[in-house]
Amino acid sequence: MAVLQRMVFGRSSEKNRPEPPGGAGDDPAGGGGGKPGSGEKSVKRGPGARAGRRDYSHLPRVEVIWDFPGGGYCCPECGEPFTPLGDHLSGERLDWQVIIRVVVNCRRRYQRACRCPGPATVTAPGPSAAVGKGLFTNGFIAMLLTERYAAGRSQNSLVTGLARQGAEISPATLAGTCAQAGALLAPLEAAIAERNRESWHLHADETTWRVFAPRDGDGPAKWWLWVFTGPDTVCFVMDPSRSGQVLARHAGIDEKTGQLEPDADGGSRRLVLSTDFYTVYESAGKKADGLVNLYCTAHIRRHFVRAGDANPEQLKYWTQGWLDRIRALYRAHEELTAAWQENAAPARQGSEAAAERLEKAYAAWDSAITAIDQARRQQMQAPGLQEPAKKALATLGREWDGITAHRDYPMVSLDNYPDGVVMPMSAVRGGPAAGQGGALAA
């Protein structure tokens, strides 16, 4: 568990947190609750930490008048009624209500009073219905999709929640409604998938995915869920295969030649892929002209962590040295990203200070990557190196080009873990039950 936690959460230790101006000496008391030398601000946590309540003025307001029984108040001694005293006292609280109601659409009918030609009676049009003669309104379907896919609630949770509000609804009915709504969203899903496919840069990964698609009647089958994250889109592709055909179909790679297909204007394409070291991505990068592989540095780091845990007595200091070199690379890349963004900003373009900062950032990156390159070459030739260390260095050597390529793309993270993937809407194309790879685009 300790090894897995370091591999999963190790990224946070690579972040460079510069000390605030003046260092720790600016705090006369020498305290403040922050970690010494970490540069973290002293933030009060726990009860009472927030100054004031949040602003809820944007929510609907409903005034409820509270009075004594019968209205007004009388003196308990003589019975003389009290007179109202100014405005009432108000206290605000948040209320939470969930209402499942039956909407009766009453369409008015009219009969002709004149003798002009035409229909004798007319009926006012009713509301539009996304699902033909379905049970639910459009608002119900929108809430169902939001709770199911945006909030991530399970089908059982939705059925139980609706039942608590007095609406006993079959799970099959909800599933059928989602399927019908998904068919309506297919054009939107196709447009999102096309935009994702045309992106110049994609994060890609895949994982096992169990689906109810029995093979020879032996129960659920193991499929693969592929994810392709672009600058403003995310596509999930379910497919029974983990082969390069899935990548080729989505990324627009000709399966016969292995080359990128031309863009909409017929010109040559360029695609940057941020991935791990799976051979499908590596093979695509070697074959296709214009396809650049950027390999995940966090995955490289894991190999050195595992090597140290395999033989902690002899590789403890060796592992720490490599983690320090990788940490320095992360710091250099963070500065390179910040300098590149500053230099690319319209307000700073042509600025000598921004250009100088960018030049220094590139020099720092070159220094950090050179230190790693020299260390790996020297250690691979050293006699008596432990086998776990040899394997880690061999992996670094095989993926070296995909690590050094990050220099030309400072706007892309060193890791294959993009932040802030938001899925406001989902649509399903195809489906595992049909024996085809389904796509979920967000």
Protein backbone atom coordinates (compact mmCIF):
# COMPACT_ATOMS: atom_id res chain seq x y z
CA MET A 1 0.00 0.00 0.00
CA ALA A 2 2.84 2.40 0.78
CA VAL A 3 4.39 1.76 -2.63
CA LEU A 4 1.08 2.30 -4.43
CA GLN A 5 0.40 5.51 -2.52
CA ARG A 6 3.78 6.93 -3.47
CA MET A 7 3.17 6.08 -7.11
CA VAL A 8 -0.34 7.53 -7.17
CA PHE A 9 0.28 10.61 -5.05
CA GLY A 10 3.93 11.17 -5.79
CA ARG A 11 3.17 14.01 -8.21
CA SER A 12 2.49 16.46 -5.39
CA SER A 13 6.04 16.10 -4.10
CA GLU A 14 7.39 17.29 -7.44
CA LYS A 15 5.66 20.64 -7.25
CA ASN A 16 7.90 23.59 -6.61
CA ARG A 17 6.48 25.88 -3.93
CA PRO A 18 8.74 28.94 -3.78
CA GLU A 19 9.10 30.68 -0.46
CA PRO A 20 7.31 34.01 -0.07
CA PRO A 21 9.43 37.19 -0.28
CA GLY A 22 11.48 37.55 2.84
CA GLY A 23 11.31 33.85 3.71
CA ALA A 24 10.06 32.56 7.01
CA GLY A 25 11.59 35.48 8.85
CA ASP A 26 8.66 37.72 7.91
CA ASP A 27 6.56 36.06 10.60
CA PRO A 28 7.61 37.70 13.87
CA ALA A 29 6.13 34.88 15.89
CA GLY A 30 7.79 32.26 13.75
CA GLY A 31 4.49 30.38 13.43
CA GLY A 32 1.42 30.82 11.27
CA GLY A 33 0.46 27.19 10.77
CA GLY A 34 2.26 26.80 7.42
CA LYS A 35 4.99 24.26 6.80
CA PRO A 36 8.47 25.69 7.38
CA GLY A 37 10.12 26.60 4.11
CA SER A 38 7.18 25.36 2.04
CA GLY A 39 5.91 28.80 1.11
CA GLU A 40 2.35 27.82 2.00
CA LYS A 41 0.10 30.56 3.27
CA SER A 42 -1.12 30.42 6.82
CA VAL A 43 -4.79 29.60 6.38
CA LYS A 44 -7.06 28.97 9.31
CA ARG A 45 -8.96 25.74 8.92
CA GLY A 46 -11.83 24.12 10.72
CA PRO A 47 -14.94 25.64 12.36
CA GLY A 48 -15.04 29.42 12.21
CA ALA A 49 -12.34 29.64 9.56
CA ARG A 50 -14.55 31.35 6.97
CA ALA A 51 -15.20 35.06 7.48
CA GLY A 52 -18.97 35.37 7.01
CA ARG A 53 -21.40 33.22 5.11
CA ARG A 54 -21.57 32.64 1.40
CA ASP A 55 -23.73 34.87 -0.75
CA TYR A 56 -27.06 33.28 -1.69
CA SER A 57 -28.75 36.37 -3.06
CA HIS A 58 -29.07 34.70 -6.47
CA LEU A 59 -31.47 32.05 -5.12
CA PRO A 60 -35.29 32.50 -5.23
CA ARG A 61 -36.69 34.08 -2.07
CA VAL A 62 -39.97 33.14 -0.40
CA GLU A 63 -41.24 35.14 2.58
CA VAL A 64 -43.18 33.22 5.23
CA ILE A 65 -45.06 35.33 7.82
CA TRP A 66 -45.19 33.95 11.34
CA ASP A 67 -47.71 35.30 13.84
CA PHE A 68 -49.34 34.32 17.08
CA PRO A 69 -52.37 31.97 16.87
CA GLY A 70 -55.40 34.04 15.83
CA GLY A 71 -53.21 36.96 14.80
CA GLY A 72 -51.82 39.65 17.09
CA TYR A 73 -51.05 39.49 20.80
CA CYS A 74 -53.02 40.63 23.87
CA CYS A 75 -51.91 41.58 27.34
CA PRO A 76 -52.23 38.50 29.56
CA GLU A 77 -53.47 40.73 32.43
CA CYS A 78 -56.14 43.05 30.95
CA GLY A 79 -56.59 41.62 27.46
CA GLU A 80 -55.69 44.91 25.73
CA PRO A 81 -54.32 44.05 22.24
CA PHE A 82 -50.76 45.03 21.43
CA THR A 83 -50.20 47.34 18.44
CA PRO A 84 -47.87 46.34 15.58
CA LEU A 85 -44.31 47.55 16.07
CA GLY A 86 -42.55 48.46 12.83
CA ASP A 87 -41.43 45.80 10.36
CA HIS A 88 -41.26 42.15 11.23
CA LEU A 89 -37.99 40.50 12.27
CA SER A 90 -36.51 38.34 9.52
CA GLY A 91 -34.16 35.38 9.67
CA GLU A 92 -32.87 33.66 6.53
CA ARG A 93 -32.29 29.94 6.14
CA LEU A 94 -31.76 27.70 3.15
CA ASP A 95 -34.62 25.33 2.32
CA TRP A 96 -34.32 22.18 0.23
CA GLN A 97 -37.38 20.74 -1.46
CA VAL A 98 -37.71 18.01 -4.06
CA ILE A 99 -41.12 17.86 -5.72
CA ILE A 100 -42.21 15.11 -8.08
CA ARG A 101 -45.46 16.25 -9.62
CA VAL A 102 -47.86 15.21 -12.36
CA VAL A 103 -48.19 17.81 -15.09
CA VAL A 104 -51.58 17.76 -16.79
CA ASN A 105 -51.37 19.39 -20.21
CA CYS A 106 -54.81 20.80 -20.96
CA ARG A 107 -55.07 21.75 -24.61
CA ARG A 108 -57.98 24.10 -25.30
CA ARG A 109 -60.30 23.35 -28.23
CA TYR A 110 -62.22 25.92 -30.25
CA GLN A 111 -65.22 25.59 -32.57
CA ARG A 112 -65.78 27.76 -35.60
CA ALA A 113 -68.69 30.22 -35.23
CA CYS A 114 -68.56 31.46 -38.79
CA ARG A 115 -69.36 29.67 -42.07
CA CYS A 116 -65.99 30.26 -43.72
CA PRO A 117 -64.28 27.24 -45.31
CA GLY A 118 -61.80 25.33 -43.20
CA PRO A 119 -61.71 23.03 -40.18
CA ALA A 120 -64.71 23.31 -37.88
CA THR A 121 -62.62 22.85 -34.74
CA VAL A 122 -59.01 23.56 -33.76
CA THR A 123 -56.92 22.44 -30.79
CA ALA A 124 -54.08 24.43 -29.27
CA PRO A 125 -50.65 22.78 -29.71
CA GLY A 126 -49.22 21.03 -26.68
CA PRO A 127 -45.68 21.02 -25.34
CA SER A 128 -42.89 19.49 -27.37
CA ALA A 129 -41.87 16.00 -26.26
CA ALA A 130 -38.34 14.70 -26.61
CA VAL A 131 -39.52 11.10 -26.24
CA GLY A 132 -42.73 10.70 -28.22
CA LYS A 133 -45.46 9.33 -25.97
CA GLY A 134 -43.13 8.79 -23.08
CA LEU A 135 -44.03 9.12 -19.43
CA PHE A 136 -41.66 11.99 -18.62
CA THR A 137 -41.49 15.68 -19.45
CA ASN A 138 -38.44 17.22 -21.08
CA GLY A 139 -37.49 18.74 -17.73
CA PHE A 140 -37.63 15.31 -16.06
CA ILE A 141 -35.41 13.81 -18.78
CA ALA A 142 -32.91 16.67 -18.44
CA MET A 143 -32.77 16.15 -14.66
CA LEU A 144 -32.42 12.38 -15.13
CA LEU A 145 -29.43 12.78 -17.49
CA THR A 146 -27.83 15.37 -15.22
CA GLU A 147 -28.14 13.20 -12.11
CA ARG A 148 -27.14 10.03 -13.92
CA TYR A 149 -24.13 11.25 -15.91
CA ALA A 150 -23.02 14.63 -14.55
CA ALA A 151 -23.56 13.83 -10.85
CA GLY A 152 -22.67 10.16 -11.35
CA ARG A 153 -25.63 8.69 -9.46
CA SER A 154 -26.31 5.02 -9.99
CA GLN A 155 -29.56 3.70 -11.40
CA ASN A 156 -30.48 2.13 -8.07
CA SER A 157 -29.88 5.43 -6.28
CA LEU A 158 -32.19 7.25 -8.68
CA VAL A 159 -34.95 4.64 -8.34
CA THR A 160 -34.72 4.75 -4.54
CA GLY A 161 -34.68 8.55 -4.45
CA LEU A 162 -37.74 8.85 -6.69
CA ALA A 163 -39.56 6.25 -4.59
CA ARG A 164 -38.96 8.30 -1.43
CA GLN A 165 -40.78 11.16 -3.15
CA GLY A 166 -43.73 8.91 -3.94
CA ALA A 167 -42.84 8.11 -7.56
CA GLU A 168 -42.46 4.34 -8.00
CA ILE A 169 -40.67 4.08 -11.35
CA SER A 170 -39.29 0.92 -12.88
CA PRO A 171 -35.52 0.82 -13.48
CA ALA A 172 -36.24 -0.48 -16.98
CA THR A 173 -38.31 2.63 -17.70
CA LEU A 174 -35.45 4.91 -16.65
CA ALA A 175 -32.94 2.88 -18.66
CA GLY A 176 -35.16 3.01 -21.73
CA THR A 177 -35.56 6.76 -21.37
CA CYS A 178 -31.79 7.23 -21.19
CA ALA A 179 -31.37 5.13 -24.32
CA GLN A 180 -33.99 7.13 -26.24
CA ALA A 181 -32.50 10.43 -25.09
CA GLY A 182 -29.05 9.17 -26.06
CA ALA A 183 -30.26 8.58 -29.60
CA LEU A 184 -31.46 12.19 -29.73
CA LEU A 185 -28.04 13.39 -28.57
CA ALA A 186 -26.19 11.34 -31.20
CA PRO A 187 -25.68 14.32 -33.57
CA LEU A 188 -24.18 16.34 -30.71
CA GLU A 189 -21.98 13.40 -29.72
CA ALA A 190 -20.78 13.07 -33.30
CA ALA A 191 -19.90 16.78 -33.48
CA ILE A 192 -17.98 16.62 -30.17
CA ALA A 193 -16.14 13.47 -31.26
CA GLU A 194 -15.19 15.11 -34.56
CA ARG A 195 -13.84 18.18 -32.78
CA ASN A 196 -11.88 15.94 -30.42
CA ARG A 197 -10.50 13.99 -33.36
CA GLU A 198 -9.28 17.17 -35.06
CA SER A 199 -7.41 18.42 -31.97
CA TRP A 200 -3.69 19.07 -32.36
CA HIS A 201 -2.99 17.49 -28.96
CA LEU A 202 -4.63 14.56 -27.16
CA HIS A 203 -4.12 12.82 -23.85
CA ALA A 204 -4.87 9.13 -24.38
CA ASP A 205 -5.19 6.13 -22.08
CA GLU A 206 -7.15 2.89 -21.76
CA THR A 207 -8.38 0.61 -18.98
CA THR A 208 -10.40 -2.58 -18.62
CA TRP A 209 -14.18 -2.20 -18.65
CA ARG A 210 -16.76 -4.87 -17.84
CA VAL A 211 -19.87 -4.79 -20.03
CA PHE A 212 -22.98 -6.96 -20.24
CA ALA A 213 -22.13 -8.44 -23.62
CA PRO A 214 -21.99 -12.22 -23.06
CA ARG A 215 -19.64 -14.13 -25.29
CA ASP A 216 -20.84 -17.69 -25.87
CA GLY A 217 -23.18 -17.21 -22.93
CA ASP A 218 -20.45 -17.06 -20.29
CA GLY A 219 -21.58 -13.77 -18.70
CA PRO A 220 -20.10 -10.28 -18.71
CA ALA A 221 -17.19 -9.70 -21.05
CA LYS A 222 -14.01 -7.68 -20.48
CA TRP A 223 -13.86 -4.76 -22.85
CA TRP A 224 -11.63 -1.69 -22.91
CA LEU A 225 -12.52 1.90 -22.17
CA TRP A 226 -10.34 4.35 -24.08
CA VAL A 227 -10.25 8.04 -23.19
CA PHE A 228 -9.10 10.83 -25.49
CA THR A 229 -8.84 14.25 -23.87
CA GLY A 230 -8.45 17.29 -26.09
CA PRO A 231 -8.15 20.98 -25.22
CA ASP A 232 -11.94 21.36 -24.81
CA THR A 233 -13.45 17.90 -25.38
CA VAL A 234 -13.31 14.42 -23.87
CA CYS A 235 -14.26 11.21 -25.70
CA PHE A 236 -14.63 7.76 -24.14
CA VAL A 237 -14.62 4.84 -26.56
CA MET A 238 -15.74 1.37 -25.46
CA ASP A 239 -14.29 -1.40 -27.58
CA PRO A 240 -13.62 -5.12 -27.10
CA SER A 241 -10.08 -4.61 -28.43
CA ARG A 242 -6.98 -2.99 -27.01
CA SER A 243 -5.24 -2.97 -30.39
CA GLY A 244 -4.02 -0.01 -32.35
CA GLN A 245 -7.16 -0.10 -34.51
CA VAL A 246 -9.08 1.84 -31.84
CA LEU A 247 -6.43 4.56 -31.76
CA ALA A 248 -6.28 4.61 -35.56
CA ARG A 249 -10.04 4.99 -35.95
CA HIS A 250 -10.32 7.81 -33.45
CA ALA A 251 -7.13 9.71 -34.19
CA GLY A 252 -7.50 9.48 -37.95
CA ILE A 253 -4.62 7.13 -38.78
CA ASP A 254 -4.71 5.03 -41.94
CA GLU A 255 -4.53 1.41 -40.76
CA LYS A 256 -2.76 0.25 -43.93
CA THR A 257 -0.05 2.90 -44.23
CA GLY A 258 0.10 3.98 -40.59
CA GLN A 259 0.10 7.64 -41.66
CA LEU A 260 -2.11 10.45 -40.41
CA GLU A 261 -5.06 11.13 -42.65
CA PRO A 262 -5.17 14.60 -44.27
CA ASP A 263 -7.12 17.37 -42.59
CA ALA A 264 -10.39 18.84 -43.88
CA ASP A 265 -8.48 21.03 -46.36
CA GLY A 266 -6.42 18.12 -47.66
CA GLY A 267 -3.24 19.32 -45.96
CA SER A 268 -0.87 17.34 -43.76
CA ARG A 269 -1.81 16.94 -40.10
CA ARG A 270 0.27 17.14 -36.97
CA LEU A 271 -0.79 15.32 -33.82
CA VAL A 272 0.83 15.37 -30.36
CA LEU A 273 -0.06 12.41 -28.13
CA SER A 274 0.51 12.44 -24.36
CA THR A 275 0.47 8.81 -23.23
CA ASP A 276 2.14 6.13 -21.18
CA PHE A 277 4.53 3.62 -22.78
CA TYR A 278 1.94 1.24 -24.19
CA THR A 279 3.30 -0.20 -27.43
CA VAL A 280 0.24 0.92 -29.44
CA TYR A 281 1.10 4.59 -28.91
CA GLU A 282 4.83 3.99 -29.36
CA SER A 283 4.30 2.10 -32.63
CA ALA A 284 1.96 4.79 -33.99
CA GLY A 285 4.54 7.48 -33.27
CA LYS A 286 7.29 5.57 -35.08
CA LYS A 287 5.19 4.98 -38.21
CA ALA A 288 3.20 8.17 -38.68
CA ASP A 289 4.89 11.30 -39.97
CA GLY A 290 3.74 14.31 -37.98
CA LEU A 291 2.77 12.28 -34.89
CA VAL A 292 4.79 13.25 -31.81
CA ASN A 293 4.85 11.11 -28.66
CA LEU A 294 5.09 12.84 -25.28
CA TYR A 295 5.58 10.20 -22.60
CA CYS A 296 4.33 10.58 -19.04
CA THR A 297 7.14 11.46 -16.64
CA ALA A 298 5.15 10.23 -13.66
CA HIS A 299 5.20 6.75 -15.20
CA ILE A 300 8.99 6.94 -15.50
CA ARG A 301 9.21 8.01 -11.87
CA ARG A 302 7.23 4.93 -10.81
CA HIS A 303 9.88 2.61 -12.25
CA PHE A 304 12.56 4.18 -10.04
CA VAL A 305 10.30 3.99 -6.99
CA ARG A 306 9.66 0.31 -7.66
CA ALA A 307 13.37 -0.34 -8.14
CA GLY A 308 14.14 1.22 -4.77
CA ASP A 309 11.44 -0.81 -3.04
CA ALA A 310 12.71 -4.02 -4.65
CA ASN A 311 16.10 -3.62 -2.95
CA PRO A 312 15.88 -0.81 -0.37
CA GLU A 313 19.16 -1.68 1.37
CA GLN A 314 21.38 -1.22 -1.67
CA LEU A 315 19.28 1.15 -3.81
CA LYS A 316 18.02 3.60 -1.20
CA TYR A 317 20.40 6.44 -2.05
CA TRP A 318 20.41 5.54 -5.75
CA THR A 319 16.62 5.92 -5.85
CA GLN A 320 16.68 9.18 -3.89
CA GLY A 321 19.21 10.60 -6.33
CA TRP A 322 16.95 9.81 -9.26
CA LEU A 323 13.90 11.24 -7.55
CA ASP A 324 15.86 14.45 -6.95
CA ARG A 325 16.82 14.65 -10.64
CA ILE A 326 13.22 14.10 -11.71
CA ARG A 327 12.05 16.69 -9.20
CA ALA A 328 14.48 19.19 -10.71
CA LEU A 329 13.06 18.39 -14.16
CA TYR A 330 9.53 19.08 -12.91
CA ARG A 331 10.63 22.42 -11.47
CA ALA A 332 12.37 23.39 -14.71
CA HIS A 333 9.28 22.48 -16.72
CA GLU A 334 6.97 24.47 -14.44
CA GLU A 335 9.17 27.54 -14.87
CA LEU A 336 9.36 26.90 -18.63
CA THR A 337 5.55 26.72 -18.83
CA ALA A 338 5.11 29.94 -16.86
CA ALA A 339 7.74 31.75 -18.94
CA TRP A 340 6.23 30.52 -22.20
CA GLN A 341 2.74 31.67 -21.15
CA GLU A 342 4.09 35.07 -20.16
CA ASN A 343 5.97 35.46 -23.42
CA ALA A 344 2.91 34.36 -25.45
CA ALA A 345 0.54 36.79 -23.72
CA PRO A 346 -0.48 39.62 -26.10
CA ALA A 347 0.38 42.24 -23.50
CA ARG A 348 3.94 40.89 -23.10
CA GLN A 349 4.79 39.99 -26.69
CA GLY A 350 8.01 41.66 -27.71
CA SER A 351 8.94 42.31 -24.09
CA GLU A 352 12.64 41.89 -23.42
CA ALA A 353 12.01 40.77 -19.84
CA ALA A 354 9.61 38.02 -20.95
CA ALA A 355 12.00 36.86 -23.67
CA GLU A 356 14.90 36.81 -21.22
CA ARG A 357 12.87 34.79 -18.72
CA LEU A 358 11.94 32.29 -21.42
CA GLU A 359 15.57 31.93 -22.48
CA LYS A 360 16.64 31.25 -18.89
CA ALA A 361 13.82 28.74 -18.49
CA TYR A 362 14.99 26.82 -21.57
CA ALA A 363 18.54 26.84 -20.20
CA ALA A 364 17.31 25.44 -16.87
CA TRP A 365 15.38 22.71 -18.69
CA ASP A 366 18.44 21.80 -20.76
CA SER A 367 20.53 21.63 -17.61
CA ALA A 368 18.04 19.35 -15.83
CA ILE A 369 17.57 16.99 -18.78
CA THR A 370 21.34 16.87 -19.42
CA ALA A 371 21.97 15.83 -15.81
CA ILE A 372 19.50 12.97 -16.23
CA ASP A 373 21.02 11.93 -19.55
CA GLN A 374 24.58 11.88 -18.20
CA ALA A 375 23.55 9.92 -15.10
CA ARG A 376 21.65 7.26 -17.04
CA ARG A 377 24.53 6.73 -19.50
CA GLN A 378 27.17 6.46 -16.80
CA GLN A 379 25.13 4.13 -14.61
CA MET A 380 24.19 1.80 -17.47
CA GLN A 381 27.91 1.16 -18.01
CA ALA A 382 28.68 0.73 -14.32
CA PRO A 383 29.45 -2.88 -13.28
CA GLY A 384 27.54 -4.51 -10.45
CA LEU A 385 24.37 -2.42 -10.82
CA GLN A 386 21.36 -4.15 -9.30
CA GLU A 387 18.86 -5.71 -11.72
CA PRO A 388 15.87 -3.52 -10.65
CA ALA A 389 17.98 -0.42 -11.32
CA LYS A 390 19.02 -1.76 -14.73
CA LYS A 391 15.38 -2.29 -15.70
CA ALA A 392 14.42 1.24 -14.64
CA LEU A 393 17.30 2.74 -16.60
CA ALA A 394 16.48 0.57 -19.63
CA THR A 395 12.88 1.82 -19.57
CA LEU A 396 14.09 5.41 -19.38
CA GLY A 397 16.39 4.76 -22.35
CA ARG A 398 13.62 3.26 -24.49
CA GLU A 399 11.28 6.18 -23.83
CA TRP A 400 13.97 8.88 -23.87
CA ASP A 401 12.84 10.59 -27.08
CA GLY A 402 9.29 10.95 -25.71
CA ILE A 403 10.63 12.61 -22.55
CA THR A 404 13.00 15.05 -24.25
CA ALA A 405 10.27 16.04 -26.76
CA HIS A 406 8.53 17.94 -23.95
CA ARG A 407 11.01 20.78 -24.52
CA ASP A 408 9.23 21.76 -27.73
CA TYR A 409 5.79 21.72 -26.08
CA PRO A 410 6.01 23.71 -22.82
CA MET A 411 2.24 24.24 -22.91
CA VAL A 412 1.68 20.49 -22.32
CA SER A 413 2.00 18.84 -18.92
CA LEU A 414 4.84 16.43 -18.22
CA ASP A 415 2.24 13.95 -16.96
CA ASN A 416 -0.61 12.20 -18.72
CA TYR A 417 -3.04 13.44 -16.07
CA PRO A 418 -4.76 16.58 -17.34
CA ASP A 419 -6.61 18.58 -14.68
CA GLY A 420 -10.20 19.75 -14.80
CA VAL A 421 -11.88 17.30 -17.13
CA VAL A 422 -15.48 18.47 -17.07
CA MET A 423 -18.35 16.41 -18.45
CA PRO A 424 -21.43 18.64 -18.64
CA MET A 425 -23.32 16.45 -21.10
CA SER A 426 -23.08 12.90 -22.31
CA ALA A 427 -24.24 11.08 -25.41
CA VAL A 428 -23.91 7.44 -26.39
CA ARG A 429 -23.18 6.14 -29.86
CA GLY A 430 -23.54 2.49 -30.80
CA GLY A 431 -23.39 0.25 -27.75
CA PRO A 432 -21.69 -2.83 -26.35
CA ALA A 433 -24.86 -4.89 -26.74
CA ALA A 434 -24.73 -4.30 -30.49
CA GLY A 435 -21.21 -5.68 -30.68
CA GLN A 436 -19.74 -2.34 -31.74
CA GLY A 437 -17.48 0.11 -30.00
CA GLY A 438 -19.60 2.77 -28.35
CA ALA A 439 -18.36 6.32 -27.80
CA LEU A 440 -19.25 8.63 -24.96
CA ALA A 441 -18.36 12.24 -25.74
CA ALA A 442 -18.31 15.05 -23.25
